[in-house]
Amino acid sequence: ILRVLGENAIAVRTKAMKCLSEVVAVDPSILARLDMQRGVHGRLMDNSTSVREAAVELLGRFVLCRPQLAEQYYDML
């Protein structure tokens, strides 16, 4: 999924963020991984509004459930 986040097609990047959200729904601790943090951060800075929205939605769903993630993603938000 992280590899696909760098694709040129906006629809592919958006779907990758939504897939990542489904993975995180099963295991929110995956957001603590450094590679995940980099991937989400990159999508928060994406040129596409839909990709940025998907990244913010992902963080909004799970950061509140896991306060320790809020510390890791605070600067990005």
C-alpha atoms as a PDB file:
ATOM      1  CA  ILE A   1       0.000   0.000   0.000  1.00  0.00           C
ATOM      2  CA  LEU A   2       2.831   2.393   0.837  1.00  0.00           C
ATOM      3  CA  ARG A   3       4.362   1.865  -2.579  1.00  0.00           C
ATOM      4  CA  VAL A   4       1.065   2.649  -4.295  1.00  0.00           C
ATOM      5  CA  LEU A   5       0.760   5.925  -2.365  1.00  0.00           C
ATOM      6  CA  GLY A   6       3.417   7.325  -4.681  1.00  0.00           C
ATOM      7  CA  GLU A   7       1.574   6.531  -7.925  1.00  0.00           C
ATOM      8  CA  ASN A   8       0.816   9.307 -10.406  1.00  0.00           C
ATOM      9  CA  ALA A   9      -2.915   8.612 -10.695  1.00  0.00           C
ATOM     10  CA  ILE A  10      -4.953  10.534  -8.120  1.00  0.00           C
ATOM     11  CA  ALA A  11      -7.641   7.844  -7.951  1.00  0.00           C
ATOM     12  CA  VAL A  12      -5.015   5.207  -7.132  1.00  0.00           C
ATOM     13  CA  ARG A  13      -3.493   7.293  -4.335  1.00  0.00           C
ATOM     14  CA  THR A  14      -6.942   8.030  -2.905  1.00  0.00           C
ATOM     15  CA  LYS A  15      -7.929   4.356  -2.956  1.00  0.00           C
ATOM     16  CA  ALA A  16      -4.607   3.420  -1.377  1.00  0.00           C
ATOM     17  CA  MET A  17      -5.333   5.787   1.525  1.00  0.00           C
ATOM     18  CA  LYS A  18      -8.779   4.237   1.933  1.00  0.00           C
ATOM     19  CA  CYS A  19      -7.256   0.738   1.881  1.00  0.00           C
ATOM     20  CA  LEU A  20      -4.733   1.828   4.468  1.00  0.00           C
ATOM     21  CA  SER A  21      -7.630   3.057   6.589  1.00  0.00           C
ATOM     22  CA  GLU A  22      -9.171  -0.428   6.459  1.00  0.00           C
ATOM     23  CA  VAL A  23      -5.881  -2.008   7.511  1.00  0.00           C
ATOM     24  CA  VAL A  24      -5.571   0.451  10.383  1.00  0.00           C
ATOM     25  CA  ALA A  25      -9.131  -0.403  11.457  1.00  0.00           C
ATOM     26  CA  VAL A  26      -7.882  -3.912  12.200  1.00  0.00           C
ATOM     27  CA  ASP A  27      -4.615  -2.817  13.818  1.00  0.00           C
ATOM     28  CA  PRO A  28      -4.344   0.913  14.731  1.00  0.00           C
ATOM     29  CA  SER A  29      -0.847   0.378  16.123  1.00  0.00           C
ATOM     30  CA  ILE A  30       0.424   0.145  12.550  1.00  0.00           C
ATOM     31  CA  LEU A  31       0.228   3.949  12.412  1.00  0.00           C
ATOM     32  CA  ALA A  32       3.083   4.057  14.922  1.00  0.00           C
ATOM     33  CA  ARG A  33       5.496   2.652  12.321  1.00  0.00           C
ATOM     34  CA  LEU A  34       7.921   5.188  10.875  1.00  0.00           C
ATOM     35  CA  ASP A  35       7.256   4.139   7.277  1.00  0.00           C
ATOM     36  CA  MET A  36       3.521   4.636   7.837  1.00  0.00           C
ATOM     37  CA  GLN A  37       4.127   8.062   9.337  1.00  0.00           C
ATOM     38  CA  ARG A  38       6.156   9.066   6.290  1.00  0.00           C
ATOM     39  CA  GLY A  39       3.525   7.704   3.917  1.00  0.00           C
ATOM     40  CA  VAL A  40       0.652   9.506   5.640  1.00  0.00           C
ATOM     41  CA  HIS A  41       2.670  12.705   5.922  1.00  0.00           C
ATOM     42  CA  GLY A  42       3.400  12.622   2.210  1.00  0.00           C
ATOM     43  CA  ARG A  43      -0.285  12.250   1.425  1.00  0.00           C
ATOM     44  CA  LEU A  44      -1.192  15.109   3.763  1.00  0.00           C
ATOM     45  CA  MET A  45       0.988  17.247   1.480  1.00  0.00           C
ATOM     46  CA  ASP A  46      -0.449  15.763  -1.738  1.00  0.00           C
ATOM     47  CA  ASN A  47      -1.492  18.040  -4.606  1.00  0.00           C
ATOM     48  CA  SER A  48      -4.878  16.343  -4.785  1.00  0.00           C
ATOM     49  CA  THR A  49      -7.630  17.436  -2.418  1.00  0.00           C
ATOM     50  CA  SER A  50      -9.203  13.968  -2.411  1.00  0.00           C
ATOM     51  CA  VAL A  51      -5.933  12.338  -1.339  1.00  0.00           C
ATOM     52  CA  ARG A  52      -5.417  14.896   1.440  1.00  0.00           C
ATOM     53  CA  GLU A  53      -9.011  14.380   2.593  1.00  0.00           C
ATOM     54  CA  ALA A  54      -8.507  10.610   2.733  1.00  0.00           C
ATOM     55  CA  ALA A  55      -5.345  11.085   4.808  1.00  0.00           C
ATOM     56  CA  VAL A  56      -7.065  13.449   7.246  1.00  0.00           C
ATOM     57  CA  GLU A  57     -10.029  11.076   7.515  1.00  0.00           C
ATOM     58  CA  LEU A  58      -7.657   8.218   8.296  1.00  0.00           C
ATOM     59  CA  LEU A  59      -5.973  10.165  11.071  1.00  0.00           C
ATOM     60  CA  GLY A  60      -9.240  11.537  12.398  1.00  0.00           C
ATOM     61  CA  ARG A  61     -10.680   8.061  12.797  1.00  0.00           C
ATOM     62  CA  PHE A  62      -7.768   6.584  14.687  1.00  0.00           C
ATOM     63  CA  VAL A  63      -5.732   9.268  16.408  1.00  0.00           C
ATOM     64  CA  LEU A  64      -8.568  10.009  18.814  1.00  0.00           C
ATOM     65  CA  CYS A  65      -8.808   6.315  19.728  1.00  0.00           C
ATOM     66  CA  ARG A  66      -5.090   6.101  20.382  1.00  0.00           C
ATOM     67  CA  PRO A  67      -3.802   9.215  22.211  1.00  0.00           C
ATOM     68  CA  GLN A  68      -0.180   8.131  21.790  1.00  0.00           C
ATOM     69  CA  LEU A  69      -0.656   8.454  18.013  1.00  0.00           C
ATOM     70  CA  ALA A  70      -1.798  12.044  18.487  1.00  0.00           C
ATOM     71  CA  GLU A  71       1.680  12.917  19.716  1.00  0.00           C
ATOM     72  CA  GLN A  72       3.302  11.346  16.664  1.00  0.00           C
ATOM     73  CA  TYR A  73       0.985  13.006  14.143  1.00  0.00           C
ATOM     74  CA  TYR A  74       0.421  16.339  15.873  1.00  0.00           C
ATOM     75  CA  ASP A  75       3.042  18.244  13.863  1.00  0.00           C
ATOM     76  CA  MET A  76       1.632  16.882  10.607  1.00  0.00           C
ATOM     77  CA  LEU A  77      -1.879  17.967  11.471  1.00  0.00           C
END
